[in-house]
């Protein structure tokens, strides 16, 4: 747009051509008016350019004066870099101090505003409480509102509906029963149990020992090892893990407890695993195998080395590992 204004010029009227001479005095008057208009336009354009240059110079002068004033305030004469740094730090500290004072003033103003609001709220609460007292006094003599009668049928069964109080009471009772059951089972595990066993090294050596129902088979074997150590040198030289407990032709694992065998009513090939009172030994004397008896026989304590040497020979050939999933419906003494 600026280039257009600078280069703008009115077109020639054409009155000096051959055809223009015919137009006469009227055309000459129009030519003079056009020239005056062009001169006025050029003068206005020159004034605009001069004003524009003067305004730009005035802005530059202002920026220069502001910079000089700031420099004059902060620095008078030549200073070292340390002095300049110190003055700038002082200037920053003054600015920070001013900001802190402004924040403190704003905070005090806010606290004062909150206190006024709190005081106003307290007055409002007091006024409401007095109004409530007045209403109580006014309504002291008035009859109490009639309560609506419940339309529920008391004969209808509603126990299946959700009830928070009833459910909470049920959970409380369940926790109590659970704790009572656990305490009872722990007491059972502490009960004494007399076990008759036979140390088997090809022939039987029957003995008795007392343990707790909560003892594991490994703990039982350790007590047996201590009991046999004075009589059998090979047992005294070993550890509990070197021994096996075979009950009713079942080799029991070391981690199972007597409590587990009793509570699950575990059964072996030739008798119950949960009963430790000894009757007739099926290996001694004549026993009618056609009649199933709920009788227990003394379990065998066997050295693992002896078992490895004789597992293909009766009675070790009948023994098998304990499997809680396997059920024995009938007791057998053969096969």
C-alpha atoms as a PDB file:
ATOM      1  CA  UNK A   1       0.000   0.000   0.000  1.00  0.00           C
ATOM      2  CA  UNK A   2       2.908   2.350   0.827  1.00  0.00           C
ATOM      3  CA  UNK A   3       4.519   1.822  -2.592  1.00  0.00           C
ATOM      4  CA  UNK A   4       1.211   2.518  -4.269  1.00  0.00           C
ATOM      5  CA  UNK A   5       0.846   5.889  -2.463  1.00  0.00           C
ATOM      6  CA  UNK A   6       4.416   6.933  -3.324  1.00  0.00           C
ATOM      7  CA  UNK A   7       4.098   6.064  -7.039  1.00  0.00           C
ATOM      8  CA  UNK A   8       0.543   7.288  -7.492  1.00  0.00           C
ATOM      9  CA  UNK A   9       0.051   9.996 -10.220  1.00  0.00           C
ATOM     10  CA  UNK A  10      -3.089  11.147 -11.939  1.00  0.00           C
ATOM     11  CA  UNK A  11      -3.341  10.254 -15.659  1.00  0.00           C
ATOM     12  CA  UNK A  12      -2.984  12.844 -18.397  1.00  0.00           C
ATOM     13  CA  UNK A  13      -6.261  14.518 -19.445  1.00  0.00           C
ATOM     14  CA  UNK A  14      -5.298  14.456 -23.156  1.00  0.00           C
ATOM     15  CA  UNK A  15      -6.345  18.051 -23.922  1.00  0.00           C
ATOM     16  CA  UNK A  16      -3.003  18.796 -25.624  1.00  0.00           C
ATOM     17  CA  UNK A  17      -3.641  16.244 -28.345  1.00  0.00           C
ATOM     18  CA  UNK A  18      -5.141  17.128 -31.690  1.00  0.00           C
ATOM     19  CA  UNK A  19      -8.515  15.989 -30.471  1.00  0.00           C
ATOM     20  CA  UNK A  20      -8.020  17.975 -27.231  1.00  0.00           C
ATOM     21  CA  UNK A  21      -7.662  21.300 -29.022  1.00  0.00           C
ATOM     22  CA  UNK A  22     -11.254  20.942 -30.146  1.00  0.00           C
ATOM     23  CA  UNK A  23     -12.570  20.774 -26.517  1.00  0.00           C
ATOM     24  CA  UNK A  24     -12.034  24.481 -25.956  1.00  0.00           C
ATOM     25  CA  UNK A  25     -11.978  26.502 -22.739  1.00  0.00           C
ATOM     26  CA  UNK A  26     -13.967  23.964 -20.713  1.00  0.00           C
ATOM     27  CA  UNK A  27     -11.233  21.355 -21.074  1.00  0.00           C
ATOM     28  CA  UNK A  28      -8.595  23.914 -20.012  1.00  0.00           C
ATOM     29  CA  UNK A  29     -10.533  24.603 -16.798  1.00  0.00           C
ATOM     30  CA  UNK A  30     -10.712  20.940 -15.965  1.00  0.00           C
ATOM     31  CA  UNK A  31      -6.952  20.630 -16.513  1.00  0.00           C
ATOM     32  CA  UNK A  32      -6.247  23.371 -13.953  1.00  0.00           C
ATOM     33  CA  UNK A  33      -8.491  21.739 -11.357  1.00  0.00           C
ATOM     34  CA  UNK A  34      -6.700  18.418 -11.834  1.00  0.00           C
ATOM     35  CA  UNK A  35      -3.309  20.056 -11.359  1.00  0.00           C
ATOM     36  CA  UNK A  36      -4.422  21.731  -8.110  1.00  0.00           C
ATOM     37  CA  UNK A  37      -5.783  18.443  -6.813  1.00  0.00           C
ATOM     38  CA  UNK A  38      -2.486  16.683  -7.668  1.00  0.00           C
ATOM     39  CA  UNK A  39      -0.450  19.374  -5.880  1.00  0.00           C
ATOM     40  CA  UNK A  40      -2.621  19.110  -2.760  1.00  0.00           C
ATOM     41  CA  UNK A  41      -2.214  15.313  -2.769  1.00  0.00           C
ATOM     42  CA  UNK A  42       1.592  15.578  -3.085  1.00  0.00           C
ATOM     43  CA  UNK A  43       1.740  18.054  -0.186  1.00  0.00           C
ATOM     44  CA  UNK A  44      -0.363  15.793   2.036  1.00  0.00           C
ATOM     45  CA  UNK A  45       1.788  12.790   1.135  1.00  0.00           C
ATOM     46  CA  UNK A  46       4.997  14.651   2.006  1.00  0.00           C
ATOM     47  CA  UNK A  47       3.534  15.678   5.387  1.00  0.00           C
ATOM     48  CA  UNK A  48       2.582  12.069   6.215  1.00  0.00           C
ATOM     49  CA  UNK A  49       6.121  10.853   5.437  1.00  0.00           C
ATOM     50  CA  UNK A  50       7.645  13.559   7.632  1.00  0.00           C
ATOM     51  CA  UNK A  51       5.301  12.747  10.553  1.00  0.00           C
ATOM     52  CA  UNK A  52       6.134   9.056  10.245  1.00  0.00           C
ATOM     53  CA  UNK A  53       9.894   9.708  10.419  1.00  0.00           C
ATOM     54  CA  UNK A  54       9.460  12.069  13.374  1.00  0.00           C
ATOM     55  CA  UNK A  55       7.378   9.465  15.318  1.00  0.00           C
ATOM     56  CA  UNK A  56       9.940   6.699  14.791  1.00  0.00           C
ATOM     57  CA  UNK A  57      12.747   8.965  15.993  1.00  0.00           C
ATOM     58  CA  UNK A  58      10.726   9.939  19.072  1.00  0.00           C
ATOM     59  CA  UNK A  59      10.233   6.234  20.045  1.00  0.00           C
ATOM     60  CA  UNK A  60      13.966   5.522  19.586  1.00  0.00           C
ATOM     61  CA  UNK A  61      14.778   8.509  21.775  1.00  0.00           C
ATOM     62  CA  UNK A  62      12.444   7.242  24.479  1.00  0.00           C
ATOM     63  CA  UNK A  63      14.020   3.766  24.528  1.00  0.00           C
ATOM     64  CA  UNK A  64      17.499   5.260  24.630  1.00  0.00           C
ATOM     65  CA  UNK A  65      16.528   7.636  27.439  1.00  0.00           C
ATOM     66  CA  UNK A  66      14.980   4.794  29.516  1.00  0.00           C
ATOM     67  CA  UNK A  67      18.112   2.649  29.164  1.00  0.00           C
ATOM     68  CA  UNK A  68      20.354   5.549  30.046  1.00  0.00           C
ATOM     69  CA  UNK A  69      18.240   6.429  33.100  1.00  0.00           C
ATOM     70  CA  UNK A  70      18.328   2.809  34.364  1.00  0.00           C
ATOM     71  CA  UNK A  71      22.077   2.627  33.853  1.00  0.00           C
ATOM     72  CA  UNK A  72      22.552   5.980  35.549  1.00  0.00           C
ATOM     73  CA  UNK A  73      20.586   4.830  38.594  1.00  0.00           C
ATOM     74  CA  UNK A  74      22.420   1.515  39.000  1.00  0.00           C
ATOM     75  CA  UNK A  75      25.929   2.503  37.890  1.00  0.00           C
ATOM     76  CA  UNK A  76      27.766   5.786  38.338  1.00  0.00           C
ATOM     77  CA  UNK A  77      31.077   5.630  36.584  1.00  0.00           C
ATOM     78  CA  UNK A  78      33.048   2.497  35.801  1.00  0.00           C
ATOM     79  CA  UNK A  79      32.741  -0.400  38.268  1.00  0.00           C
ATOM     80  CA  UNK A  80      34.356  -3.810  38.553  1.00  0.00           C
ATOM     81  CA  UNK A  81      32.530  -7.060  37.818  1.00  0.00           C
ATOM     82  CA  UNK A  82      32.347  -7.923  41.552  1.00  0.00           C
ATOM     83  CA  UNK A  83      30.885  -4.513  42.357  1.00  0.00           C
ATOM     84  CA  UNK A  84      28.339  -4.906  39.577  1.00  0.00           C
ATOM     85  CA  UNK A  85      27.418  -8.388  40.879  1.00  0.00           C
ATOM     86  CA  UNK A  86      27.050  -7.086  44.445  1.00  0.00           C
ATOM     87  CA  UNK A  87      24.781  -4.223  43.365  1.00  0.00           C
ATOM     88  CA  UNK A  88      22.629  -6.579  41.311  1.00  0.00           C
ATOM     89  CA  UNK A  89      22.300  -8.938  44.324  1.00  0.00           C
ATOM     90  CA  UNK A  90      21.255  -6.013  46.534  1.00  0.00           C
ATOM     91  CA  UNK A  91      18.723  -4.985  43.937  1.00  0.00           C
ATOM     92  CA  UNK A  92      17.299  -8.530  43.780  1.00  0.00           C
ATOM     93  CA  UNK A  93      17.148  -8.722  47.592  1.00  0.00           C
ATOM     94  CA  UNK A  94      15.210  -5.440  47.724  1.00  0.00           C
ATOM     95  CA  UNK A  95      12.801  -6.813  45.126  1.00  0.00           C
ATOM     96  CA  UNK A  96      12.347 -10.098  47.041  1.00  0.00           C
ATOM     97  CA  UNK A  97      11.793  -8.187  50.284  1.00  0.00           C
ATOM     98  CA  UNK A  98       9.145  -6.071  48.613  1.00  0.00           C
ATOM     99  CA  UNK A  99       7.438  -9.180  47.230  1.00  0.00           C
ATOM    100  CA  UNK A 100       7.440 -10.829  50.675  1.00  0.00           C
ATOM    101  CA  UNK A 101       5.944  -7.734  52.274  1.00  0.00           C
ATOM    102  CA  UNK A 102       3.234  -7.698  49.628  1.00  0.00           C
ATOM    103  CA  UNK A 103       2.466 -11.391  50.225  1.00  0.00           C
ATOM    104  CA  UNK A 104       2.355 -10.871  53.997  1.00  0.00           C
ATOM    105  CA  UNK A 105      -0.027  -7.955  53.588  1.00  0.00           C
ATOM    106  CA  UNK A 106      -2.236 -10.032  51.300  1.00  0.00           C
ATOM    107  CA  UNK A 107      -2.200 -12.916  53.823  1.00  0.00           C
ATOM    108  CA  UNK A 108      -3.148 -10.629  56.718  1.00  0.00           C
ATOM    109  CA  UNK A 109      -5.946  -9.232  54.620  1.00  0.00           C
ATOM    110  CA  UNK A 110      -7.219 -12.747  53.857  1.00  0.00           C
ATOM    111  CA  UNK A 111      -7.009 -13.802  57.552  1.00  0.00           C
ATOM    112  CA  UNK A 112      -8.951 -10.731  58.596  1.00  0.00           C
ATOM    113  CA  UNK A 113     -11.585 -11.522  55.991  1.00  0.00           C
ATOM    114  CA  UNK A 114     -11.901 -15.124  57.265  1.00  0.00           C
ATOM    115  CA  UNK A 115     -12.218 -13.958  60.884  1.00  0.00           C
ATOM    116  CA  UNK A 116     -15.016 -11.594  59.913  1.00  0.00           C
ATOM    117  CA  UNK A 117     -16.825 -14.369  58.038  1.00  0.00           C
ATOM    118  CA  UNK A 118     -16.417 -16.765  60.993  1.00  0.00           C
ATOM    119  CA  UNK A 119     -17.737 -14.169  63.420  1.00  0.00           C
ATOM    120  CA  UNK A 120     -20.671 -13.457  61.149  1.00  0.00           C
ATOM    121  CA  UNK A 121     -21.452 -17.186  60.847  1.00  0.00           C
ATOM    122  CA  UNK A 122     -21.315 -17.609  64.645  1.00  0.00           C
ATOM    123  CA  UNK A 123     -23.795 -14.780  65.114  1.00  0.00           C
ATOM    124  CA  UNK A 124     -26.090 -16.399  62.573  1.00  0.00           C
ATOM    125  CA  UNK A 125     -25.951 -19.770  64.418  1.00  0.00           C
ATOM    126  CA  UNK A 126     -26.740 -18.094  67.733  1.00  0.00           C
ATOM    127  CA  UNK A 127     -29.694 -16.311  66.221  1.00  0.00           C
ATOM    128  CA  UNK A 128     -30.995 -19.580  64.780  1.00  0.00           C
ATOM    129  CA  UNK A 129     -30.660 -21.379  68.136  1.00  0.00           C
ATOM    130  CA  UNK A 130     -32.650 -18.637  69.895  1.00  0.00           C
ATOM    131  CA  UNK A 131     -35.306 -18.912  67.213  1.00  0.00           C
ATOM    132  CA  UNK A 132     -35.512 -22.677  67.769  1.00  0.00           C
ATOM    133  CA  UNK A 133     -35.945 -22.149  71.541  1.00  0.00           C
ATOM    134  CA  UNK A 134     -38.770 -19.729  70.862  1.00  0.00           C
ATOM    135  CA  UNK A 135     -40.453 -22.278  68.623  1.00  0.00           C
ATOM    136  CA  UNK A 136     -40.116 -24.953  71.336  1.00  0.00           C
ATOM    137  CA  UNK A 137     -41.729 -22.663  73.876  1.00  0.00           C
ATOM    138  CA  UNK A 138     -44.519 -21.768  71.480  1.00  0.00           C
ATOM    139  CA  UNK A 139     -45.146 -25.410  70.583  1.00  0.00           C
ATOM    140  CA  UNK A 140     -44.950 -26.774  74.146  1.00  0.00           C
ATOM    141  CA  UNK A 141     -48.686 -26.732  74.522  1.00  0.00           C
ATOM    142  CA  UNK A 142     -49.455 -27.926  71.019  1.00  0.00           C
ATOM    143  CA  UNK A 143     -50.192 -31.633  70.496  1.00  0.00           C
ATOM    144  CA  UNK A 144     -47.420 -33.834  69.027  1.00  0.00           C
ATOM    145  CA  UNK A 145     -47.909 -34.905  65.414  1.00  0.00           C
ATOM    146  CA  UNK A 146     -49.702 -38.188  64.966  1.00  0.00           C
ATOM    147  CA  UNK A 147     -47.374 -40.971  63.789  1.00  0.00           C
ATOM    148  CA  UNK A 148     -48.408 -42.847  60.713  1.00  0.00           C
ATOM    149  CA  UNK A 149     -49.193 -46.467  61.290  1.00  0.00           C
ATOM    150  CA  UNK A 150     -47.045 -49.016  59.486  1.00  0.00           C
ATOM    151  CA  UNK A 151     -48.880 -50.861  56.743  1.00  0.00           C
ATOM    152  CA  UNK A 152     -46.554 -53.906  56.912  1.00  0.00           C
ATOM    153  CA  UNK A 153     -48.120 -57.259  57.565  1.00  0.00           C
ATOM    154  CA  UNK A 154     -46.343 -58.775  60.620  1.00  0.00           C
ATOM    155  CA  UNK A 155     -47.330 -62.288  59.557  1.00  0.00           C
ATOM    156  CA  UNK A 156     -45.368 -62.142  56.271  1.00  0.00           C
ATOM    157  CA  UNK A 157     -41.908 -63.821  56.276  1.00  0.00           C
ATOM    158  CA  UNK A 158     -39.205 -61.153  55.779  1.00  0.00           C
ATOM    159  CA  UNK A 159     -36.075 -63.000  56.894  1.00  0.00           C
ATOM    160  CA  UNK A 160     -34.926 -63.344  53.278  1.00  0.00           C
ATOM    161  CA  UNK A 161     -34.799 -59.549  52.874  1.00  0.00           C
ATOM    162  CA  UNK A 162     -31.427 -57.808  53.395  1.00  0.00           C
ATOM    163  CA  UNK A 163     -30.892 -56.551  56.936  1.00  0.00           C
ATOM    164  CA  UNK A 164     -27.603 -54.854  57.865  1.00  0.00           C
ATOM    165  CA  UNK A 165     -28.018 -55.401  61.606  1.00  0.00           C
ATOM    166  CA  UNK A 166     -28.891 -59.066  61.171  1.00  0.00           C
ATOM    167  CA  UNK A 167     -25.997 -59.656  58.751  1.00  0.00           C
ATOM    168  CA  UNK A 168     -23.543 -57.960  61.128  1.00  0.00           C
ATOM    169  CA  UNK A 169     -24.781 -60.143  63.983  1.00  0.00           C
ATOM    170  CA  UNK A 170     -24.419 -63.273  61.829  1.00  0.00           C
ATOM    171  CA  UNK A 171     -20.828 -62.393  60.893  1.00  0.00           C
ATOM    172  CA  UNK A 172     -20.015 -61.758  64.533  1.00  0.00           C
ATOM    173  CA  UNK A 173     -21.437 -65.160  65.481  1.00  0.00           C
ATOM    174  CA  UNK A 174     -19.497 -66.856  62.652  1.00  0.00           C
ATOM    175  CA  UNK A 175     -16.234 -65.325  63.884  1.00  0.00           C
ATOM    176  CA  UNK A 176     -16.983 -66.479  67.423  1.00  0.00           C
ATOM    177  CA  UNK A 177     -17.717 -70.043  66.292  1.00  0.00           C
ATOM    178  CA  UNK A 178     -14.585 -70.113  64.127  1.00  0.00           C
ATOM    179  CA  UNK A 179     -12.378 -69.002  67.011  1.00  0.00           C
ATOM    180  CA  UNK A 180     -14.061 -71.522  69.279  1.00  0.00           C
ATOM    181  CA  UNK A 181     -13.458 -74.318  66.740  1.00  0.00           C
ATOM    182  CA  UNK A 182      -9.781 -73.381  66.291  1.00  0.00           C
ATOM    183  CA  UNK A 183      -9.233 -73.293  70.049  1.00  0.00           C
ATOM    184  CA  UNK A 184     -10.879 -76.696  70.388  1.00  0.00           C
ATOM    185  CA  UNK A 185      -8.713 -78.242  67.657  1.00  0.00           C
ATOM    186  CA  UNK A 186      -5.550 -76.820  69.215  1.00  0.00           C
ATOM    187  CA  UNK A 187      -6.566 -78.386  72.513  1.00  0.00           C
ATOM    188  CA  UNK A 188      -7.030 -81.748  70.752  1.00  0.00           C
ATOM    189  CA  UNK A 189      -3.551 -81.501  69.230  1.00  0.00           C
ATOM    190  CA  UNK A 190      -2.101 -81.132  72.741  1.00  0.00           C
ATOM    191  CA  UNK A 191      -3.729 -84.343  73.943  1.00  0.00           C
ATOM    192  CA  UNK A 192      -1.453 -87.305  74.736  1.00  0.00           C
ATOM    193  CA  UNK A 193      -1.428 -90.386  72.517  1.00  0.00           C
ATOM    194  CA  UNK A 194       0.123 -93.750  73.441  1.00  0.00           C
ATOM    195  CA  UNK A 195       1.538 -95.594  70.435  1.00  0.00           C
ATOM    196  CA  UNK A 196       2.685 -99.199  70.293  1.00  0.00           C
ATOM    197  CA  UNK A 197       5.307 -99.758  67.605  1.00  0.00           C
ATOM    198  CA  UNK A 198       7.679-102.503  66.532  1.00  0.00           C
ATOM    199  CA  UNK A 199      11.270-101.897  65.472  1.00  0.00           C
ATOM    200  CA  UNK A 200      11.633-104.216  62.476  1.00  0.00           C
ATOM    201  CA  UNK A 201      15.042-105.466  61.363  1.00  0.00           C
ATOM    202  CA  UNK A 202      13.801-108.810  60.118  1.00  0.00           C
ATOM    203  CA  UNK A 203      12.199-109.595  63.443  1.00  0.00           C
ATOM    204  CA  UNK A 204       9.938-107.477  65.639  1.00  0.00           C
ATOM    205  CA  UNK A 205      10.939-105.602  68.825  1.00  0.00           C
ATOM    206  CA  UNK A 206       7.736-104.189  70.319  1.00  0.00           C
ATOM    207  CA  UNK A 207       7.851-101.012  72.424  1.00  0.00           C
ATOM    208  CA  UNK A 208       5.537 -98.167  73.531  1.00  0.00           C
ATOM    209  CA  UNK A 209       5.946 -94.399  73.446  1.00  0.00           C
ATOM    210  CA  UNK A 210       3.743 -91.389  74.272  1.00  0.00           C
ATOM    211  CA  UNK A 211       3.445 -88.417  71.894  1.00  0.00           C
ATOM    212  CA  UNK A 212       1.050 -85.545  71.227  1.00  0.00           C
ATOM    213  CA  UNK A 213      -1.672 -85.823  68.605  1.00  0.00           C
ATOM    214  CA  UNK A 214      -0.283 -82.704  66.953  1.00  0.00           C
ATOM    215  CA  UNK A 215       3.174 -84.238  66.450  1.00  0.00           C
ATOM    216  CA  UNK A 216       4.332 -85.000  62.915  1.00  0.00           C
ATOM    217  CA  UNK A 217       5.649 -88.423  61.913  1.00  0.00           C
ATOM    218  CA  UNK A 218       9.174 -86.934  61.804  1.00  0.00           C
ATOM    219  CA  UNK A 219       8.882 -85.695  65.406  1.00  0.00           C
ATOM    220  CA  UNK A 220       7.578 -89.138  66.385  1.00  0.00           C
ATOM    221  CA  UNK A 221      10.563 -90.828  64.659  1.00  0.00           C
ATOM    222  CA  UNK A 222      13.008 -88.612  66.556  1.00  0.00           C
ATOM    223  CA  UNK A 223      11.445 -89.662  69.874  1.00  0.00           C
ATOM    224  CA  UNK A 224      11.613 -93.311  68.751  1.00  0.00           C
ATOM    225  CA  UNK A 225      15.280 -92.935  67.749  1.00  0.00           C
ATOM    226  CA  UNK A 226      16.124 -91.622  71.213  1.00  0.00           C
ATOM    227  CA  UNK A 227      14.140 -94.486  72.763  1.00  0.00           C
ATOM    228  CA  UNK A 228      15.983 -97.147  70.684  1.00  0.00           C
ATOM    229  CA  UNK A 229      19.471 -95.631  70.873  1.00  0.00           C
ATOM    230  CA  UNK A 230      20.452 -97.459  74.040  1.00  0.00           C
ATOM    231  CA  UNK A 231      19.532-100.849  72.572  1.00  0.00           C
ATOM    232  CA  UNK A 232      20.371-100.572  68.849  1.00  0.00           C
ATOM    233  CA  UNK A 233      23.732 -99.088  67.922  1.00  0.00           C
ATOM    234  CA  UNK A 234      22.828 -98.524  64.232  1.00  0.00           C
ATOM    235  CA  UNK A 235      19.849 -96.388  65.266  1.00  0.00           C
ATOM    236  CA  UNK A 236      21.914 -94.294  67.673  1.00  0.00           C
ATOM    237  CA  UNK A 237      24.398 -93.455  64.900  1.00  0.00           C
ATOM    238  CA  UNK A 238      21.719 -92.153  62.541  1.00  0.00           C
ATOM    239  CA  UNK A 239      19.078 -89.395  62.452  1.00  0.00           C
ATOM    240  CA  UNK A 240      15.279 -89.409  62.382  1.00  0.00           C
ATOM    241  CA  UNK A 241      15.219 -89.065  58.569  1.00  0.00           C
ATOM    242  CA  UNK A 242      16.982 -92.453  58.314  1.00  0.00           C
ATOM    243  CA  UNK A 243      13.906 -94.187  59.753  1.00  0.00           C
ATOM    244  CA  UNK A 244      10.485 -95.025  58.243  1.00  0.00           C
ATOM    245  CA  UNK A 245       7.103 -95.528  59.901  1.00  0.00           C
ATOM    246  CA  UNK A 246       5.002 -98.211  58.194  1.00  0.00           C
ATOM    247  CA  UNK A 247       1.431 -98.471  59.476  1.00  0.00           C
ATOM    248  CA  UNK A 248      -1.021-101.051  58.045  1.00  0.00           C
ATOM    249  CA  UNK A 249       1.334-101.647  55.058  1.00  0.00           C
ATOM    250  CA  UNK A 250       1.374 -97.897  54.264  1.00  0.00           C
ATOM    251  CA  UNK A 251       4.624 -95.885  54.404  1.00  0.00           C
ATOM    252  CA  UNK A 252       3.579 -92.616  56.042  1.00  0.00           C
ATOM    253  CA  UNK A 253       5.209 -89.294  55.004  1.00  0.00           C
ATOM    254  CA  UNK A 254       7.219 -87.323  57.558  1.00  0.00           C
ATOM    255  CA  UNK A 255       5.124 -84.131  57.380  1.00  0.00           C
ATOM    256  CA  UNK A 256       1.721 -85.639  58.217  1.00  0.00           C
ATOM    257  CA  UNK A 257       0.474 -85.474  61.841  1.00  0.00           C
ATOM    258  CA  UNK A 258      -1.385 -88.002  63.958  1.00  0.00           C
ATOM    259  CA  UNK A 259      -4.138 -85.364  64.233  1.00  0.00           C
ATOM    260  CA  UNK A 260      -4.510 -85.462  60.421  1.00  0.00           C
ATOM    261  CA  UNK A 261      -4.816 -89.257  60.398  1.00  0.00           C
ATOM    262  CA  UNK A 262      -7.403 -89.211  63.187  1.00  0.00           C
ATOM    263  CA  UNK A 263      -9.608 -86.410  61.813  1.00  0.00           C
ATOM    264  CA  UNK A 264      -9.649 -87.814  58.258  1.00  0.00           C
ATOM    265  CA  UNK A 265     -10.260 -91.395  59.422  1.00  0.00           C
ATOM    266  CA  UNK A 266      -7.415 -92.541  57.162  1.00  0.00           C
ATOM    267  CA  UNK A 267      -7.316 -96.228  56.279  1.00  0.00           C
ATOM    268  CA  UNK A 268      -4.497 -98.530  55.166  1.00  0.00           C
ATOM    269  CA  UNK A 269      -4.346-101.860  53.336  1.00  0.00           C
ATOM    270  CA  UNK A 270      -4.663-104.009  56.467  1.00  0.00           C
ATOM    271  CA  UNK A 271      -6.323-101.726  59.021  1.00  0.00           C
ATOM    272  CA  UNK A 272      -7.172 -98.173  60.117  1.00  0.00           C
ATOM    273  CA  UNK A 273      -4.424 -95.538  60.295  1.00  0.00           C
ATOM    274  CA  UNK A 274      -6.273 -93.499  62.921  1.00  0.00           C
ATOM    275  CA  UNK A 275      -6.347 -96.167  65.661  1.00  0.00           C
ATOM    276  CA  UNK A 276      -3.264 -96.976  67.710  1.00  0.00           C
ATOM    277  CA  UNK A 277      -4.636 -99.412  70.297  1.00  0.00           C
ATOM    278  CA  UNK A 278      -3.119-102.808  69.510  1.00  0.00           C
ATOM    279  CA  UNK A 279      -5.059-106.051  69.147  1.00  0.00           C
ATOM    280  CA  UNK A 280      -3.937-109.237  67.409  1.00  0.00           C
ATOM    281  CA  UNK A 281      -0.940-108.921  65.106  1.00  0.00           C
ATOM    282  CA  UNK A 282      -1.948-110.231  61.701  1.00  0.00           C
ATOM    283  CA  UNK A 283       1.548-111.648  61.261  1.00  0.00           C
ATOM    284  CA  UNK A 284       1.208-113.830  64.376  1.00  0.00           C
ATOM    285  CA  UNK A 285      -1.209-116.727  64.727  1.00  0.00           C
ATOM    286  CA  UNK A 286      -4.204-117.673  62.658  1.00  0.00           C
ATOM    287  CA  UNK A 287      -6.445-114.778  61.575  1.00  0.00           C
ATOM    288  CA  UNK A 288      -9.603-115.132  59.498  1.00  0.00           C
ATOM    289  CA  UNK A 289      -8.933-112.761  56.579  1.00  0.00           C
ATOM    290  CA  UNK A 290     -12.515-113.169  55.345  1.00  0.00           C
ATOM    291  CA  UNK A 291     -13.785-111.115  58.256  1.00  0.00           C
ATOM    292  CA  UNK A 292     -13.008-107.385  58.078  1.00  0.00           C
ATOM    293  CA  UNK A 293     -12.061-106.059  61.489  1.00  0.00           C
ATOM    294  CA  UNK A 294     -11.644-102.495  62.706  1.00  0.00           C
ATOM    295  CA  UNK A 295      -8.506-103.459  64.607  1.00  0.00           C
ATOM    296  CA  UNK A 296      -5.145-101.736  64.693  1.00  0.00           C
ATOM    297  CA  UNK A 297      -1.769-103.436  64.471  1.00  0.00           C
ATOM    298  CA  UNK A 298       1.541-102.052  65.725  1.00  0.00           C
ATOM    299  CA  UNK A 299       3.274 -99.911  63.118  1.00  0.00           C
ATOM    300  CA  UNK A 300       6.792-100.836  62.079  1.00  0.00           C
ATOM    301  CA  UNK A 301       9.862 -98.636  62.497  1.00  0.00           C
ATOM    302  CA  UNK A 302      12.263 -99.555  59.689  1.00  0.00           C
ATOM    303  CA  UNK A 303      15.716 -98.339  58.704  1.00  0.00           C
ATOM    304  CA  UNK A 304      15.649 -97.029  55.121  1.00  0.00           C
ATOM    305  CA  UNK A 305      18.783 -99.002  54.232  1.00  0.00           C
ATOM    306  CA  UNK A 306      17.121-102.206  55.388  1.00  0.00           C
ATOM    307  CA  UNK A 307      14.050-101.380  53.262  1.00  0.00           C
ATOM    308  CA  UNK A 308      16.170-100.723  50.150  1.00  0.00           C
ATOM    309  CA  UNK A 309      17.809-104.146  50.573  1.00  0.00           C
ATOM    310  CA  UNK A 310      14.573-106.062  51.275  1.00  0.00           C
ATOM    311  CA  UNK A 311      11.773-104.210  49.441  1.00  0.00           C
ATOM    312  CA  UNK A 312      11.322-107.145  47.048  1.00  0.00           C
ATOM    313  CA  UNK A 313      10.784-109.587  49.940  1.00  0.00           C
ATOM    314  CA  UNK A 314       7.635-110.045  52.011  1.00  0.00           C
ATOM    315  CA  UNK A 315       6.431-108.111  54.051  1.00  0.00           C
ATOM    316  CA  UNK A 316       8.233-105.067  52.514  1.00  0.00           C
ATOM    317  CA  UNK A 317       6.965-106.069  49.069  1.00  0.00           C
ATOM    318  CA  UNK A 318       3.397-105.234  50.236  1.00  0.00           C
ATOM    319  CA  UNK A 319       4.230-101.742  51.425  1.00  0.00           C
ATOM    320  CA  UNK A 320       3.253 -98.708  49.375  1.00  0.00           C
ATOM    321  CA  UNK A 321       3.409 -94.923  49.690  1.00  0.00           C
ATOM    322  CA  UNK A 322       0.595 -93.041  51.427  1.00  0.00           C
ATOM    323  CA  UNK A 323      -1.963 -91.566  49.015  1.00  0.00           C
ATOM    324  CA  UNK A 324      -4.824 -89.629  50.666  1.00  0.00           C
ATOM    325  CA  UNK A 325      -6.927 -89.935  47.498  1.00  0.00           C
ATOM    326  CA  UNK A 326      -6.740 -93.718  47.460  1.00  0.00           C
ATOM    327  CA  UNK A 327      -9.496 -95.588  49.295  1.00  0.00           C
ATOM    328  CA  UNK A 328      -9.277 -99.094  50.737  1.00  0.00           C
ATOM    329  CA  UNK A 329     -12.783-100.540  51.017  1.00  0.00           C
ATOM    330  CA  UNK A 330     -11.565-103.854  52.443  1.00  0.00           C
ATOM    331  CA  UNK A 331      -8.581-104.840  54.525  1.00  0.00           C
ATOM    332  CA  UNK A 332      -6.259-107.470  53.025  1.00  0.00           C
ATOM    333  CA  UNK A 333      -3.184-109.284  54.287  1.00  0.00           C
ATOM    334  CA  UNK A 334      -1.961-110.708  50.991  1.00  0.00           C
ATOM    335  CA  UNK A 335      -0.891-109.250  47.657  1.00  0.00           C
END
